[in-house]
């Protein structure tokens, strides 16, 4: 069985989640995407840094 991929267009990642991996998906100044691959098994994660940057709350280069 593949540990990462997508099913019916929904991404999955069956690797055991780590705090570093969760942070990488949910707060990543290097990734311009809002919706990133899942931090926890199935679906999408939201890159909160990018959301705040687009709202003008964070500036490019701010790490928070």
PDB file of N, CA and C in Angstrom:
ATOM      1  N   UNK A   1       0.836  -1.184   0.000  1.00  0.00           N
ATOM      2  CA  UNK A   1       0.000   0.000   0.000  1.00  0.00           C
ATOM      3  C   UNK A   1       0.879   1.246   0.000  1.00  0.00           C
ATOM      4  N   UNK A   2       0.539   2.205  -0.872  1.00  0.00           N
ATOM      5  CA  UNK A   2       1.273   3.469  -0.908  1.00  0.00           C
ATOM      6  C   UNK A   2       0.982   4.273   0.345  1.00  0.00           C
ATOM      7  N   UNK A   3       2.002   4.934   0.875  1.00  0.00           N
ATOM      8  CA  UNK A   3       1.836   5.713   2.102  1.00  0.00           C
ATOM      9  C   UNK A   3       1.423   7.154   1.837  1.00  0.00           C
ATOM     10  N   UNK A   4       1.651   7.645   0.611  1.00  0.00           N
ATOM     11  CA  UNK A   4       1.189   8.980   0.240  1.00  0.00           C
ATOM     12  C   UNK A   4       0.575   8.910  -1.146  1.00  0.00           C
ATOM     13  N   UNK A   5      -0.327   9.821  -1.423  1.00  0.00           N
ATOM     14  CA  UNK A   5      -0.975   9.864  -2.729  1.00  0.00           C
ATOM     15  C   UNK A   5      -2.287  10.601  -2.626  1.00  0.00           C
ATOM     16  N   UNK A   6      -3.216  10.251  -3.516  1.00  0.00           N
ATOM     17  CA  UNK A   6      -4.547  10.845  -3.445  1.00  0.00           C
ATOM     18  C   UNK A   6      -5.577   9.804  -3.844  1.00  0.00           C
ATOM     19  N   UNK A   7      -6.757   9.968  -3.328  1.00  0.00           N
ATOM     20  CA  UNK A   7      -7.878   9.094  -3.631  1.00  0.00           C
ATOM     21  C   UNK A   7      -9.076   9.993  -3.899  1.00  0.00           C
ATOM     22  N   UNK A   8      -9.659   9.849  -5.083  1.00  0.00           N
ATOM     23  CA  UNK A   8     -10.762  10.712  -5.511  1.00  0.00           C
ATOM     24  C   UNK A   8     -10.387  12.196  -5.413  1.00  0.00           C
ATOM     25  N   UNK A   9      -9.115  12.503  -5.684  1.00  0.00           N
ATOM     26  CA  UNK A   9      -8.646  13.883  -5.668  1.00  0.00           C
ATOM     27  C   UNK A   9      -8.311  14.436  -4.297  1.00  0.00           C
ATOM     28  N   UNK A  10      -8.465  13.628  -3.255  1.00  0.00           N
ATOM     29  CA  UNK A  10      -8.169  14.079  -1.889  1.00  0.00           C
ATOM     30  C   UNK A  10      -6.829  13.479  -1.467  1.00  0.00           C
ATOM     31  N   UNK A  11      -5.852  14.323  -1.087  1.00  0.00           N
ATOM     32  CA  UNK A  11      -4.549  13.791  -0.718  1.00  0.00           C
ATOM     33  C   UNK A  11      -4.571  13.052   0.623  1.00  0.00           C
ATOM     34  N   UNK A  12      -3.674  12.073   0.740  1.00  0.00           N
ATOM     35  CA  UNK A  12      -3.504  11.374   2.008  1.00  0.00           C
ATOM     36  C   UNK A  12      -2.024  11.151   2.269  1.00  0.00           C
ATOM     37  N   UNK A  13      -1.687  10.983   3.521  1.00  0.00           N
ATOM     38  CA  UNK A  13      -0.321  10.699   3.956  1.00  0.00           C
ATOM     39  C   UNK A  13      -0.419   9.829   5.198  1.00  0.00           C
ATOM     40  N   UNK A  14      -0.075   8.553   5.067  1.00  0.00           N
ATOM     41  CA  UNK A  14      -0.215   7.605   6.164  1.00  0.00           C
ATOM     42  C   UNK A  14       1.030   7.525   7.042  1.00  0.00           C
ATOM     43  N   UNK A  15       1.997   8.432   6.831  1.00  0.00           N
ATOM     44  CA  UNK A  15       3.157   8.465   7.721  1.00  0.00           C
ATOM     45  C   UNK A  15       2.715   8.973   9.094  1.00  0.00           C
ATOM     46  N   UNK A  16       3.400   8.517  10.124  1.00  0.00           N
ATOM     47  CA  UNK A  16       3.103   8.987  11.481  1.00  0.00           C
ATOM     48  C   UNK A  16       3.395  10.481  11.579  1.00  0.00           C
ATOM     49  N   UNK A  17       2.411  11.278  12.008  1.00  0.00           N
ATOM     50  CA  UNK A  17       2.640  12.726  12.110  1.00  0.00           C
ATOM     51  C   UNK A  17       3.661  13.069  13.193  1.00  0.00           C
ATOM     52  N   UNK A  18       4.455  14.086  12.913  1.00  0.00           N
ATOM     53  CA  UNK A  18       5.399  14.618  13.899  1.00  0.00           C
ATOM     54  C   UNK A  18       5.092  16.103  14.070  1.00  0.00           C
ATOM     55  N   UNK A  19       5.521  16.687  15.190  1.00  0.00           N
ATOM     56  CA  UNK A  19       5.304  18.109  15.412  1.00  0.00           C
ATOM     57  C   UNK A  19       6.010  18.929  14.347  1.00  0.00           C
ATOM     58  N   UNK A  20       7.196  18.504  13.949  1.00  0.00           N
ATOM     59  CA  UNK A  20       7.931  19.238  12.911  1.00  0.00           C
ATOM     60  C   UNK A  20       7.173  19.191  11.584  1.00  0.00           C
ATOM     61  N   UNK A  21       6.611  18.045  11.243  1.00  0.00           N
ATOM     62  CA  UNK A  21       5.845  17.914  10.007  1.00  0.00           C
ATOM     63  C   UNK A  21       4.566  18.729  10.034  1.00  0.00           C
ATOM     64  N   UNK A  22       3.890  18.749  11.167  1.00  0.00           N
ATOM     65  CA  UNK A  22       2.663  19.535  11.301  1.00  0.00           C
ATOM     66  C   UNK A  22       2.983  21.020  11.146  1.00  0.00           C
ATOM     67  N   UNK A  23       4.051  21.471  11.811  1.00  0.00           N
ATOM     68  CA  UNK A  23       4.446  22.879  11.696  1.00  0.00           C
ATOM     69  C   UNK A  23       4.810  23.215  10.253  1.00  0.00           C
ATOM     70  N   UNK A  24       5.507  22.330   9.576  1.00  0.00           N
ATOM     71  CA  UNK A  24       5.916  22.566   8.190  1.00  0.00           C
ATOM     72  C   UNK A  24       4.706  22.757   7.276  1.00  0.00           C
ATOM     73  N   UNK A  25       3.625  22.058   7.536  1.00  0.00           N
ATOM     74  CA  UNK A  25       2.417  22.177   6.710  1.00  0.00           C
ATOM     75  C   UNK A  25       1.572  23.389   7.095  1.00  0.00           C
ATOM     76  N   UNK A  26       1.551  23.735   8.380  1.00  0.00           N
ATOM     77  CA  UNK A  26       0.629  24.759   8.849  1.00  0.00           C
ATOM     78  C   UNK A  26       1.260  26.140   9.039  1.00  0.00           C
ATOM     79  N   UNK A  27       2.592  26.241   9.011  1.00  0.00           N
ATOM     80  CA  UNK A  27       3.277  27.528   9.133  1.00  0.00           C
ATOM     81  C   UNK A  27       4.554  27.456   8.320  1.00  0.00           C
ATOM     82  N   UNK A  28       4.433  27.741   7.013  1.00  0.00           N
ATOM     83  CA  UNK A  28       5.574  27.591   6.132  1.00  0.00           C
ATOM     84  C   UNK A  28       5.738  28.829   5.254  1.00  0.00           C
ATOM     85  N   UNK A  29       6.619  29.753   5.647  1.00  0.00           N
ATOM     86  CA  UNK A  29       6.832  30.972   4.856  1.00  0.00           C
ATOM     87  C   UNK A  29       7.416  30.702   3.466  1.00  0.00           C
ATOM     88  N   UNK A  30       8.005  29.530   3.254  1.00  0.00           N
ATOM     89  CA  UNK A  30       8.613  29.211   1.960  1.00  0.00           C
ATOM     90  C   UNK A  30       7.613  28.650   0.950  1.00  0.00           C
ATOM     91  N   UNK A  31       6.392  28.345   1.375  1.00  0.00           N
ATOM     92  CA  UNK A  31       5.394  27.733   0.500  1.00  0.00           C
ATOM     93  C   UNK A  31       4.275  28.741   0.227  1.00  0.00           C
ATOM     94  N   UNK A  32       4.060  29.135  -1.033  1.00  0.00           N
ATOM     95  CA  UNK A  32       3.035  30.130  -1.346  1.00  0.00           C
ATOM     96  C   UNK A  32       1.606  29.571  -1.372  1.00  0.00           C
ATOM     97  N   UNK A  33       1.456  28.269  -1.176  1.00  0.00           N
ATOM     98  CA  UNK A  33       0.114  27.676  -1.214  1.00  0.00           C
ATOM     99  C   UNK A  33      -0.615  27.896   0.105  1.00  0.00           C
ATOM    100  N   UNK A  34      -1.934  28.093   0.016  1.00  0.00           N
ATOM    101  CA  UNK A  34      -2.765  28.142   1.224  1.00  0.00           C
ATOM    102  C   UNK A  34      -3.116  26.725   1.647  1.00  0.00           C
ATOM    103  N   UNK A  35      -3.543  25.909   0.690  1.00  0.00           N
ATOM    104  CA  UNK A  35      -3.889  24.516   0.984  1.00  0.00           C
ATOM    105  C   UNK A  35      -2.700  23.636   0.655  1.00  0.00           C
ATOM    106  N   UNK A  36      -2.171  22.982   1.671  1.00  0.00           N
ATOM    107  CA  UNK A  36      -1.004  22.123   1.522  1.00  0.00           C
ATOM    108  C   UNK A  36      -1.413  20.666   1.751  1.00  0.00           C
ATOM    109  N   UNK A  37      -0.548  19.723   1.387  1.00  0.00           N
ATOM    110  CA  UNK A  37      -0.869  18.319   1.651  1.00  0.00           C
ATOM    111  C   UNK A  37      -1.141  18.099   3.138  1.00  0.00           C
ATOM    112  N   UNK A  38      -1.778  17.008   3.482  1.00  0.00           N
ATOM    113  CA  UNK A  38      -2.234  16.821   4.862  1.00  0.00           C
ATOM    114  C   UNK A  38      -1.104  16.680   5.870  1.00  0.00           C
ATOM    115  N   UNK A  39      -1.288  17.316   7.006  1.00  0.00           N
ATOM    116  CA  UNK A  39      -0.382  17.122   8.134  1.00  0.00           C
ATOM    117  C   UNK A  39      -0.840  15.908   8.937  1.00  0.00           C
ATOM    118  N   UNK A  40      -2.124  15.653   8.915  1.00  0.00           N
ATOM    119  CA  UNK A  40      -2.702  14.548   9.680  1.00  0.00           C
ATOM    120  C   UNK A  40      -3.545  13.641   8.781  1.00  0.00           C
ATOM    121  N   UNK A  41      -2.932  12.706   8.152  1.00  0.00           N
ATOM    122  CA  UNK A  41      -3.538  11.588   7.439  1.00  0.00           C
ATOM    123  C   UNK A  41      -4.285  11.943   6.153  1.00  0.00           C
ATOM    124  N   UNK A  42      -5.374  12.722   6.187  1.00  0.00           N
ATOM    125  CA  UNK A  42      -6.289  12.818   5.057  1.00  0.00           C
ATOM    126  C   UNK A  42      -6.750  14.257   4.854  1.00  0.00           C
ATOM    127  N   UNK A  43      -6.893  14.694   3.636  1.00  0.00           N
ATOM    128  CA  UNK A  43      -7.423  16.015   3.347  1.00  0.00           C
ATOM    129  C   UNK A  43      -6.328  17.031   3.077  1.00  0.00           C
ATOM    130  N   UNK A  44      -6.545  18.237   3.487  1.00  0.00           N
ATOM    131  CA  UNK A  44      -5.577  19.308   3.283  1.00  0.00           C
ATOM    132  C   UNK A  44      -5.282  19.986   4.616  1.00  0.00           C
ATOM    133  N   UNK A  45      -4.130  20.605   4.669  1.00  0.00           N
ATOM    134  CA  UNK A  45      -3.797  21.476   5.797  1.00  0.00           C
ATOM    135  C   UNK A  45      -3.837  22.906   5.288  1.00  0.00           C
ATOM    136  N   UNK A  46      -3.965  23.848   6.182  1.00  0.00           N
ATOM    137  CA  UNK A  46      -3.983  25.264   5.802  1.00  0.00           C
ATOM    138  C   UNK A  46      -2.695  25.909   6.285  1.00  0.00           C
ATOM    139  N   UNK A  47      -1.969  26.517   5.352  1.00  0.00           N
ATOM    140  CA  UNK A  47      -0.745  27.236   5.665  1.00  0.00           C
ATOM    141  C   UNK A  47      -1.142  28.602   6.235  1.00  0.00           C
ATOM    142  N   UNK A  48      -1.221  28.685   7.547  1.00  0.00           N
ATOM    143  CA  UNK A  48      -1.691  29.906   8.209  1.00  0.00           C
ATOM    144  C   UNK A  48      -0.790  31.102   7.924  1.00  0.00           C
ATOM    145  N   UNK A  49       0.498  30.875   7.756  1.00  0.00           N
ATOM    146  CA  UNK A  49       1.401  31.976   7.411  1.00  0.00           C
ATOM    147  C   UNK A  49       0.955  32.640   6.112  1.00  0.00           C
ATOM    148  N   UNK A  50       0.656  31.825   5.102  1.00  0.00           N
ATOM    149  CA  UNK A  50       0.266  32.379   3.802  1.00  0.00           C
ATOM    150  C   UNK A  50      -1.082  33.095   3.874  1.00  0.00           C
ATOM    151  N   UNK A  51      -2.009  32.592   4.659  1.00  0.00           N
ATOM    152  CA  UNK A  51      -3.299  33.259   4.848  1.00  0.00           C
ATOM    153  C   UNK A  51      -3.071  34.648   5.453  1.00  0.00           C
ATOM    154  N   UNK A  52      -2.271  34.708   6.516  1.00  0.00           N
ATOM    155  CA  UNK A  52      -2.005  35.996   7.170  1.00  0.00           C
ATOM    156  C   UNK A  52      -1.233  36.946   6.263  1.00  0.00           C
ATOM    157  N   UNK A  53      -0.322  36.405   5.454  1.00  0.00           N
ATOM    158  CA  UNK A  53       0.431  37.247   4.526  1.00  0.00           C
ATOM    159  C   UNK A  53      -0.504  37.861   3.489  1.00  0.00           C
ATOM    160  N   UNK A  54      -1.414  37.074   2.954  1.00  0.00           N
ATOM    161  CA  UNK A  54      -2.337  37.585   1.932  1.00  0.00           C
ATOM    162  C   UNK A  54      -3.332  38.588   2.513  1.00  0.00           C
ATOM    163  N   UNK A  55      -3.642  38.452   3.787  1.00  0.00           N
ATOM    164  CA  UNK A  55      -4.518  39.416   4.445  1.00  0.00           C
ATOM    165  C   UNK A  55      -3.781  40.699   4.833  1.00  0.00           C
ATOM    166  N   UNK A  56      -2.461  40.703   4.679  1.00  0.00           N
ATOM    167  CA  UNK A  56      -1.665  41.875   4.998  1.00  0.00           C
ATOM    168  C   UNK A  56      -1.258  41.956   6.456  1.00  0.00           C
ATOM    169  N   UNK A  57      -1.506  40.900   7.216  1.00  0.00           N
ATOM    170  CA  UNK A  57      -1.143  40.878   8.635  1.00  0.00           C
ATOM    171  C   UNK A  57       0.348  40.534   8.800  1.00  0.00           C
ATOM    172  N   UNK A  58       0.843  39.662   7.966  1.00  0.00           N
ATOM    173  CA  UNK A  58       2.276  39.313   7.951  1.00  0.00           C
ATOM    174  C   UNK A  58       2.885  39.900   6.692  1.00  0.00           C
ATOM    175  N   UNK A  59       4.150  40.288   6.790  1.00  0.00           N
ATOM    176  CA  UNK A  59       4.876  40.735   5.614  1.00  0.00           C
ATOM    177  C   UNK A  59       5.822  39.644   5.186  1.00  0.00           C
ATOM    178  N   UNK A  60       6.140  39.610   3.898  1.00  0.00           N
ATOM    179  CA  UNK A  60       7.094  38.624   3.390  1.00  0.00           C
ATOM    180  C   UNK A  60       8.373  38.739   4.195  1.00  0.00           C
ATOM    181  N   UNK A  61       8.862  37.645   4.682  1.00  0.00           N
ATOM    182  CA  UNK A  61      10.070  37.626   5.491  1.00  0.00           C
ATOM    183  C   UNK A  61       9.806  37.580   6.976  1.00  0.00           C
ATOM    184  N   UNK A  62       8.619  37.989   7.432  1.00  0.00           N
ATOM    185  CA  UNK A  62       8.263  37.843   8.859  1.00  0.00           C
ATOM    186  C   UNK A  62       8.104  36.351   9.170  1.00  0.00           C
ATOM    187  N   UNK A  63       8.711  35.915  10.216  1.00  0.00           N
ATOM    188  CA  UNK A  63       8.608  34.510  10.590  1.00  0.00           C
ATOM    189  C   UNK A  63       7.566  34.264  11.670  1.00  0.00           C
ATOM    190  N   UNK A  64       7.191  35.289  12.386  1.00  0.00           N
ATOM    191  CA  UNK A  64       6.163  35.172  13.413  1.00  0.00           C
ATOM    192  C   UNK A  64       6.646  34.683  14.692  1.00  0.00           C
TER     193      UNK A  64
END
